[in-house]
N, C-alpha and C. Protein backbone atom coordinates (compact mmCIF):
# COMPACT_ATOMS: atom_id res chain seq x y z
N MET A 1 3.82 -4.02 37.01
CA MET A 1 3.42 -4.77 35.83
C MET A 1 4.56 -4.74 34.83
N THR A 2 4.83 -5.86 34.23
CA THR A 2 5.87 -5.94 33.20
C THR A 2 5.24 -6.51 31.93
N ILE A 3 5.82 -6.17 30.88
CA ILE A 3 5.36 -6.68 29.59
C ILE A 3 6.51 -7.46 28.99
N GLY A 4 6.24 -8.69 28.62
CA GLY A 4 7.28 -9.51 28.02
C GLY A 4 7.03 -9.68 26.53
N ILE A 5 8.06 -9.50 25.74
CA ILE A 5 7.97 -9.71 24.30
C ILE A 5 9.04 -10.72 23.93
N PRO A 6 8.67 -11.81 23.31
CA PRO A 6 9.68 -12.79 22.91
C PRO A 6 10.73 -12.16 22.01
N THR A 7 11.95 -12.60 22.12
CA THR A 7 13.03 -12.04 21.31
C THR A 7 12.83 -12.30 19.83
N ALA A 8 12.01 -13.26 19.45
CA ALA A 8 11.76 -13.54 18.04
C ALA A 8 10.68 -12.63 17.48
N ALA A 9 10.03 -11.81 18.34
CA ALA A 9 8.97 -10.92 17.87
C ALA A 9 9.55 -9.88 16.93
N SER A 10 8.71 -9.45 15.99
CA SER A 10 9.10 -8.39 15.07
C SER A 10 8.31 -7.14 15.37
N ALA A 11 8.90 -6.00 15.13
CA ALA A 11 8.22 -4.73 15.34
C ALA A 11 8.42 -3.87 14.10
N TYR A 12 7.38 -3.15 13.74
CA TYR A 12 7.43 -2.24 12.60
C TYR A 12 7.12 -0.85 13.12
N ILE A 13 8.03 0.09 12.89
CA ILE A 13 7.89 1.45 13.39
C ILE A 13 7.91 2.40 12.20
N CYS A 14 6.99 3.32 12.19
CA CYS A 14 6.93 4.32 11.12
C CYS A 14 6.74 5.68 11.78
N GLY A 15 7.60 6.64 11.46
CA GLY A 15 7.46 7.96 12.04
C GLY A 15 8.71 8.80 11.85
N PRO A 16 8.73 9.95 12.54
CA PRO A 16 9.90 10.83 12.45
C PRO A 16 11.08 10.22 13.19
N PRO A 17 12.31 10.66 12.85
CA PRO A 17 13.52 10.04 13.40
C PRO A 17 13.56 9.96 14.93
N SER A 18 13.21 11.02 15.64
CA SER A 18 13.31 10.98 17.10
C SER A 18 12.34 9.95 17.70
N PHE A 19 11.14 9.83 17.13
CA PHE A 19 10.17 8.84 17.59
C PHE A 19 10.72 7.43 17.37
N MET A 20 11.26 7.18 16.20
CA MET A 20 11.77 5.84 15.89
C MET A 20 12.94 5.47 16.80
N THR A 21 13.81 6.43 17.12
CA THR A 21 14.92 6.16 18.03
C THR A 21 14.40 5.77 19.40
N ASP A 22 13.45 6.53 19.93
CA ASP A 22 12.88 6.22 21.25
C ASP A 22 12.19 4.86 21.25
N MET A 23 11.44 4.56 20.21
CA MET A 23 10.73 3.28 20.13
C MET A 23 11.70 2.12 19.99
N ARG A 24 12.75 2.31 19.20
CA ARG A 24 13.76 1.25 19.03
C ARG A 24 14.40 0.95 20.39
N ASP A 25 14.75 2.00 21.15
CA ASP A 25 15.35 1.82 22.47
C ASP A 25 14.39 1.08 23.41
N ALA A 26 13.12 1.48 23.39
CA ALA A 26 12.12 0.84 24.26
C ALA A 26 11.92 -0.62 23.89
N LEU A 27 11.82 -0.92 22.61
CA LEU A 27 11.62 -2.30 22.19
C LEU A 27 12.83 -3.17 22.50
N THR A 28 14.01 -2.62 22.32
CA THR A 28 15.24 -3.36 22.65
C THR A 28 15.26 -3.65 24.15
N ALA A 29 14.87 -2.67 24.98
CA ALA A 29 14.83 -2.88 26.43
C ALA A 29 13.81 -3.96 26.80
N LEU A 30 12.77 -4.14 26.00
CA LEU A 30 11.76 -5.17 26.25
C LEU A 30 12.16 -6.53 25.70
N GLY A 31 13.28 -6.59 25.01
CA GLY A 31 13.78 -7.87 24.55
C GLY A 31 13.69 -8.14 23.06
N VAL A 32 13.18 -7.20 22.29
CA VAL A 32 13.13 -7.39 20.84
C VAL A 32 14.53 -7.14 20.29
N THR A 33 15.03 -8.08 19.50
CA THR A 33 16.37 -7.91 18.95
C THR A 33 16.36 -6.86 17.85
N ALA A 34 17.46 -6.14 17.72
CA ALA A 34 17.56 -5.06 16.73
C ALA A 34 17.29 -5.58 15.32
N ALA A 35 17.66 -6.82 15.04
CA ALA A 35 17.45 -7.39 13.71
C ALA A 35 15.97 -7.57 13.39
N ASN A 36 15.12 -7.59 14.41
CA ASN A 36 13.68 -7.78 14.20
C ASN A 36 12.89 -6.48 14.24
N ILE A 37 13.58 -5.36 14.27
CA ILE A 37 12.91 -4.06 14.28
C ILE A 37 13.06 -3.43 12.90
N ARG A 38 11.94 -3.21 12.24
CA ARG A 38 11.92 -2.60 10.91
C ARG A 38 11.41 -1.17 11.06
N THR A 39 11.99 -0.26 10.29
CA THR A 39 11.59 1.15 10.39
C THR A 39 11.34 1.74 9.01
N GLU A 40 10.50 2.78 9.01
CA GLU A 40 10.28 3.60 7.82
C GLU A 40 10.15 5.03 8.30
N GLN A 41 11.02 5.87 7.83
CA GLN A 41 11.06 7.25 8.28
C GLN A 41 10.11 8.12 7.47
N PHE A 42 9.39 9.01 8.15
CA PHE A 42 8.71 10.10 7.46
C PHE A 42 8.91 11.35 8.27
N ALA A 43 9.11 12.45 7.59
CA ALA A 43 9.35 13.73 8.25
C ALA A 43 9.33 14.81 7.18
N ALA A 44 9.16 16.03 7.61
CA ALA A 44 9.23 17.16 6.69
C ALA A 44 10.67 17.31 6.21
N LEU A 45 10.82 17.53 4.94
CA LEU A 45 12.15 17.71 4.37
C LEU A 45 12.39 19.18 4.06
N THR A 46 13.61 19.54 3.89
CA THR A 46 13.94 20.90 3.51
C THR A 46 13.53 21.14 2.06
N ALA A 47 13.47 22.38 1.65
CA ALA A 47 13.12 22.72 0.27
C ALA A 47 14.10 22.04 -0.68
N ILE A 48 13.58 21.61 -1.83
CA ILE A 48 14.41 20.88 -2.78
C ILE A 48 14.33 21.51 -4.16
N ASN A 49 15.34 21.33 -4.89
CA ASN A 49 15.38 21.65 -6.31
C ASN A 49 15.95 20.43 -7.00
N PRO A 50 15.09 19.46 -7.36
CA PRO A 50 15.60 18.23 -7.97
C PRO A 50 16.45 18.52 -9.20
N GLY A 51 17.46 17.72 -9.35
CA GLY A 51 18.31 17.86 -10.53
C GLY A 51 19.46 18.83 -10.34
N LEU A 52 19.47 19.55 -9.23
CA LEU A 52 20.55 20.49 -8.99
C LEU A 52 21.48 19.93 -7.93
N THR A 53 22.76 20.15 -8.10
CA THR A 53 23.72 19.75 -7.08
C THR A 53 23.87 20.89 -6.10
N ALA A 54 24.45 20.58 -4.95
CA ALA A 54 24.65 21.62 -3.94
C ALA A 54 25.50 22.75 -4.53
N ARG A 55 25.14 23.95 -4.15
CA ARG A 55 25.92 25.10 -4.61
C ARG A 55 25.86 26.17 -3.54
N PRO A 56 26.80 27.08 -3.55
CA PRO A 56 26.80 28.13 -2.53
C PRO A 56 25.52 28.97 -2.62
N THR A 57 25.06 29.42 -1.47
CA THR A 57 23.88 30.28 -1.44
C THR A 57 24.23 31.63 -2.05
N VAL A 58 23.35 32.10 -2.93
CA VAL A 58 23.55 33.38 -3.59
C VAL A 58 22.41 34.29 -3.15
N THR A 59 22.74 35.52 -2.79
CA THR A 59 21.72 36.48 -2.40
C THR A 59 20.87 36.82 -3.62
N PRO A 60 19.52 36.81 -3.47
CA PRO A 60 18.67 37.18 -4.60
C PRO A 60 19.05 38.56 -5.15
N HIS A 61 18.90 38.70 -6.45
CA HIS A 61 19.35 39.91 -7.15
C HIS A 61 18.49 40.14 -8.38
N GLN A 62 18.66 41.27 -9.00
CA GLN A 62 18.00 41.56 -10.27
C GLN A 62 18.53 40.59 -11.33
N PRO A 63 17.69 40.20 -12.28
CA PRO A 63 18.18 39.27 -13.30
C PRO A 63 19.21 39.95 -14.19
N PRO A 64 20.16 39.17 -14.70
CA PRO A 64 21.15 39.76 -15.60
C PRO A 64 20.51 40.13 -16.94
N GLY A 65 21.14 41.00 -17.66
CA GLY A 65 20.67 41.36 -18.99
C GLY A 65 19.71 42.53 -18.98
N PRO A 66 19.10 42.78 -20.14
CA PRO A 66 18.20 43.94 -20.27
C PRO A 66 16.96 43.79 -19.38
N VAL A 67 16.44 44.91 -18.96
CA VAL A 67 15.24 44.95 -18.13
C VAL A 67 14.03 44.54 -18.97
N GLY A 68 13.14 43.73 -18.39
CA GLY A 68 11.93 43.33 -19.10
C GLY A 68 10.98 44.50 -19.27
N SER A 69 9.98 44.34 -20.13
CA SER A 69 9.03 45.42 -20.39
C SER A 69 7.61 45.07 -19.92
N GLY A 70 7.46 43.94 -19.25
CA GLY A 70 6.15 43.49 -18.80
C GLY A 70 5.82 43.96 -17.40
N PRO A 71 4.78 43.36 -16.81
CA PRO A 71 4.36 43.73 -15.46
C PRO A 71 5.47 43.47 -14.44
N GLN A 72 5.43 44.21 -13.35
CA GLN A 72 6.39 44.03 -12.26
C GLN A 72 6.06 42.77 -11.48
N VAL A 73 7.08 41.99 -11.17
CA VAL A 73 6.93 40.80 -10.33
C VAL A 73 7.73 41.06 -9.07
N THR A 74 7.05 40.96 -7.92
CA THR A 74 7.72 41.16 -6.63
C THR A 74 7.79 39.83 -5.91
N PHE A 75 9.00 39.46 -5.52
CA PHE A 75 9.24 38.30 -4.67
C PHE A 75 9.39 38.87 -3.27
N ALA A 76 8.28 38.93 -2.53
CA ALA A 76 8.20 39.69 -1.28
C ALA A 76 9.25 39.28 -0.25
N ARG A 77 9.40 38.01 0.01
CA ARG A 77 10.37 37.57 1.04
C ARG A 77 11.80 37.86 0.64
N SER A 78 12.07 37.85 -0.64
CA SER A 78 13.43 38.07 -1.14
C SER A 78 13.76 39.53 -1.36
N GLY A 79 12.74 40.40 -1.34
CA GLY A 79 12.96 41.83 -1.52
C GLY A 79 13.32 42.21 -2.94
N ILE A 80 12.88 41.44 -3.91
CA ILE A 80 13.21 41.71 -5.32
C ILE A 80 11.94 42.09 -6.07
N THR A 81 11.99 43.19 -6.81
CA THR A 81 10.92 43.56 -7.74
C THR A 81 11.59 43.82 -9.07
N THR A 82 11.07 43.16 -10.11
CA THR A 82 11.66 43.30 -11.44
C THR A 82 10.57 43.12 -12.48
N ALA A 83 10.79 43.65 -13.66
CA ALA A 83 9.81 43.54 -14.75
C ALA A 83 9.94 42.19 -15.44
N PHE A 84 8.80 41.58 -15.70
CA PHE A 84 8.77 40.33 -16.45
C PHE A 84 9.07 40.64 -17.91
N GLY A 85 9.80 39.77 -18.58
CA GLY A 85 10.15 40.01 -19.97
C GLY A 85 10.02 38.75 -20.80
N SER A 86 10.18 38.91 -22.09
CA SER A 86 10.02 37.80 -23.03
C SER A 86 11.12 36.74 -22.89
N ARG A 87 12.17 37.03 -22.13
CA ARG A 87 13.25 36.05 -21.94
C ARG A 87 12.81 34.88 -21.08
N TRP A 88 11.72 35.06 -20.32
CA TRP A 88 11.27 34.02 -19.40
C TRP A 88 9.93 33.46 -19.84
N LYS A 89 9.82 32.13 -19.78
CA LYS A 89 8.56 31.48 -20.15
C LYS A 89 7.54 31.58 -19.03
N ASN A 90 8.01 31.71 -17.80
CA ASN A 90 7.12 31.69 -16.65
C ASN A 90 7.80 32.36 -15.45
N VAL A 91 7.06 32.48 -14.36
CA VAL A 91 7.58 33.13 -13.16
C VAL A 91 8.71 32.31 -12.54
N LEU A 92 8.66 31.00 -12.64
CA LEU A 92 9.75 30.17 -12.11
C LEU A 92 11.06 30.49 -12.82
N ASP A 93 11.03 30.66 -14.13
CA ASP A 93 12.25 31.03 -14.87
C ASP A 93 12.80 32.37 -14.37
N LEU A 94 11.91 33.33 -14.12
CA LEU A 94 12.34 34.63 -13.62
C LEU A 94 12.94 34.48 -12.21
N ALA A 95 12.29 33.71 -11.35
CA ALA A 95 12.82 33.49 -10.00
C ALA A 95 14.21 32.87 -10.06
N ASP A 96 14.39 31.90 -10.95
CA ASP A 96 15.71 31.28 -11.12
C ASP A 96 16.75 32.31 -11.56
N ALA A 97 16.37 33.18 -12.49
CA ALA A 97 17.30 34.20 -12.99
C ALA A 97 17.70 35.18 -11.89
N CYS A 98 16.82 35.34 -10.88
CA CYS A 98 17.09 36.25 -9.76
C CYS A 98 17.68 35.54 -8.55
N ASP A 99 17.90 34.22 -8.66
CA ASP A 99 18.37 33.40 -7.54
C ASP A 99 17.45 33.51 -6.33
N VAL A 100 16.15 33.63 -6.59
CA VAL A 100 15.15 33.60 -5.52
C VAL A 100 14.93 32.14 -5.15
N PRO A 101 15.03 31.79 -3.86
CA PRO A 101 14.82 30.40 -3.47
C PRO A 101 13.42 29.92 -3.86
N THR A 102 13.35 28.79 -4.50
CA THR A 102 12.08 28.22 -4.95
C THR A 102 12.02 26.76 -4.58
N ARG A 103 10.82 26.24 -4.63
CA ARG A 103 10.61 24.80 -4.44
C ARG A 103 9.86 24.33 -5.67
N TRP A 104 10.40 23.34 -6.37
CA TRP A 104 9.75 22.84 -7.57
C TRP A 104 10.23 21.42 -7.87
N ALA A 105 9.44 20.70 -8.58
CA ALA A 105 9.84 19.41 -9.14
C ALA A 105 9.14 19.24 -10.48
N CYS A 106 8.54 20.33 -10.96
CA CYS A 106 7.79 20.31 -12.21
C CYS A 106 8.64 19.82 -13.38
N ARG A 107 9.86 20.26 -13.42
CA ARG A 107 10.74 19.90 -14.53
C ARG A 107 11.13 18.43 -14.48
N ALA A 108 10.82 17.78 -13.35
CA ALA A 108 11.08 16.35 -13.22
C ALA A 108 9.78 15.56 -13.29
N GLY A 109 8.67 16.25 -13.60
CA GLY A 109 7.40 15.57 -13.79
C GLY A 109 6.52 15.46 -12.56
N VAL A 110 6.85 16.14 -11.47
CA VAL A 110 6.02 16.11 -10.27
C VAL A 110 5.32 17.45 -10.14
N CYS A 111 4.02 17.45 -10.39
CA CYS A 111 3.26 18.70 -10.42
C CYS A 111 2.85 19.15 -9.02
N HIS A 112 2.65 20.43 -8.90
CA HIS A 112 2.15 21.14 -7.72
C HIS A 112 3.19 21.35 -6.63
N THR A 113 4.45 21.01 -6.88
CA THR A 113 5.50 21.28 -5.89
C THR A 113 5.80 22.77 -5.83
N CYS A 114 5.54 23.50 -6.90
CA CYS A 114 5.89 24.92 -6.98
C CYS A 114 4.75 25.85 -6.54
N ILE A 115 3.70 25.30 -5.93
CA ILE A 115 2.60 26.15 -5.47
C ILE A 115 3.15 27.23 -4.55
N THR A 116 2.79 28.48 -4.84
CA THR A 116 3.29 29.63 -4.09
C THR A 116 2.12 30.53 -3.72
N PRO A 117 2.10 31.05 -2.48
CA PRO A 117 1.04 31.98 -2.10
C PRO A 117 1.09 33.25 -2.95
N LEU A 118 -0.08 33.65 -3.44
CA LEU A 118 -0.23 34.88 -4.24
C LEU A 118 -0.70 35.98 -3.30
N LEU A 119 0.08 37.06 -3.19
CA LEU A 119 -0.30 38.17 -2.32
C LEU A 119 -1.16 39.19 -3.05
N SER A 120 -0.87 39.41 -4.33
CA SER A 120 -1.72 40.29 -5.15
C SER A 120 -1.32 40.16 -6.61
N GLY A 121 -2.25 40.60 -7.47
CA GLY A 121 -1.96 40.62 -8.90
C GLY A 121 -2.71 39.57 -9.68
N GLY A 122 -2.55 39.67 -11.00
CA GLY A 122 -3.21 38.75 -11.92
C GLY A 122 -2.20 38.01 -12.77
N TYR A 123 -2.56 36.82 -13.17
CA TYR A 123 -1.67 35.99 -13.96
C TYR A 123 -2.52 35.12 -14.89
N ARG A 124 -1.84 34.50 -15.85
CA ARG A 124 -2.48 33.52 -16.72
C ARG A 124 -1.55 32.32 -16.77
N TYR A 125 -2.11 31.19 -17.14
CA TYR A 125 -1.30 29.98 -17.25
C TYR A 125 -1.05 29.65 -18.71
N ASP A 126 0.19 29.24 -19.01
CA ASP A 126 0.55 28.75 -20.32
C ASP A 126 1.71 27.77 -20.16
N PRO A 127 1.44 26.50 -20.19
CA PRO A 127 0.17 25.84 -20.50
C PRO A 127 -0.76 25.84 -19.29
N GLU A 128 -2.02 25.61 -19.56
CA GLU A 128 -3.04 25.52 -18.51
C GLU A 128 -2.80 24.23 -17.71
N PRO A 129 -2.70 24.32 -16.37
CA PRO A 129 -2.46 23.09 -15.59
C PRO A 129 -3.69 22.19 -15.59
N LEU A 130 -3.46 20.89 -15.46
CA LEU A 130 -4.57 19.94 -15.38
C LEU A 130 -5.37 20.13 -14.10
N GLY A 131 -4.69 20.47 -13.02
CA GLY A 131 -5.34 20.71 -11.74
C GLY A 131 -4.87 22.02 -11.15
N PRO A 132 -5.69 23.07 -11.24
CA PRO A 132 -5.26 24.36 -10.70
C PRO A 132 -5.18 24.32 -9.17
N PRO A 133 -4.34 25.17 -8.59
CA PRO A 133 -4.24 25.21 -7.13
C PRO A 133 -5.45 25.93 -6.52
N ALA A 134 -5.52 25.94 -5.20
CA ALA A 134 -6.60 26.63 -4.49
C ALA A 134 -6.49 28.13 -4.71
N ASP A 135 -7.60 28.84 -4.47
CA ASP A 135 -7.59 30.29 -4.56
C ASP A 135 -6.49 30.86 -3.66
N GLY A 136 -5.84 31.90 -4.13
CA GLY A 136 -4.78 32.53 -3.36
C GLY A 136 -3.42 31.88 -3.55
N GLN A 137 -3.35 30.91 -4.47
CA GLN A 137 -2.09 30.25 -4.77
C GLN A 137 -1.87 30.22 -6.27
N VAL A 138 -0.62 30.08 -6.65
CA VAL A 138 -0.28 30.07 -8.08
C VAL A 138 0.80 29.02 -8.33
N LEU A 139 0.70 28.36 -9.48
CA LEU A 139 1.74 27.43 -9.93
C LEU A 139 2.74 28.26 -10.74
N ILE A 140 3.89 28.57 -10.15
CA ILE A 140 4.82 29.49 -10.81
C ILE A 140 5.50 28.88 -12.02
N CYS A 141 5.43 27.54 -12.18
CA CYS A 141 6.10 26.90 -13.32
C CYS A 141 5.40 27.18 -14.64
N CYS A 142 4.13 27.57 -14.59
CA CYS A 142 3.41 27.85 -15.84
C CYS A 142 2.66 29.18 -15.78
N ALA A 143 2.94 30.00 -14.77
CA ALA A 143 2.27 31.29 -14.62
C ALA A 143 3.06 32.41 -15.29
N GLN A 144 2.30 33.28 -15.96
CA GLN A 144 2.86 34.50 -16.54
C GLN A 144 2.02 35.66 -16.02
N PRO A 145 2.66 36.75 -15.57
CA PRO A 145 1.88 37.86 -15.01
C PRO A 145 1.07 38.59 -16.06
N LYS A 146 -0.20 38.89 -15.73
CA LYS A 146 -1.04 39.75 -16.57
C LYS A 146 -0.97 41.19 -16.05
N THR A 147 -0.84 41.32 -14.72
CA THR A 147 -0.68 42.61 -14.07
C THR A 147 0.48 42.49 -13.11
N ASP A 148 0.81 43.57 -12.42
CA ASP A 148 1.87 43.48 -11.41
C ASP A 148 1.50 42.35 -10.45
N LEU A 149 2.50 41.61 -10.05
CA LEU A 149 2.30 40.38 -9.28
C LEU A 149 3.17 40.43 -8.03
N VAL A 150 2.60 40.07 -6.88
CA VAL A 150 3.37 39.98 -5.64
C VAL A 150 3.21 38.57 -5.12
N LEU A 151 4.34 37.88 -4.96
CA LEU A 151 4.36 36.49 -4.50
C LEU A 151 5.08 36.37 -3.16
N ASP A 152 4.63 35.43 -2.35
CA ASP A 152 5.23 35.21 -1.04
C ASP A 152 6.42 34.27 -1.17
N MET A 153 7.48 34.79 -1.72
CA MET A 153 8.72 34.01 -1.86
C MET A 153 9.92 34.94 -1.90
């Protein structure tokens, strides 16, 4: 059995890059001209920090300056535990000061990109988010620790 597709036919493909490559090859083999194949890629992207240019990777470290006097914040994956202090408005600011890898777009107006799994501890929001995350998660862009805090980052 053969399937014939007129060369004037158009095809629309949406998917991850490897799928689109295979489909483009198959459609071309069936006679669809490359000019008539439209694509739209979707795939998981790497972690982003909008607004930042590429920079060398820095090993997470204690924040510079005086030690904070607030609750301890542990970034479990990064192996950093440090006291929260008045120098930081939120946990995201502290993570930045420690060069802990984060994912966020809050500062560019896209909410909920900074959702992080909460392993233990208590926090409060300032400002209060319009839509809080699910239980066991925290928005680090507006979270401040009330007690010692352990985050999966």
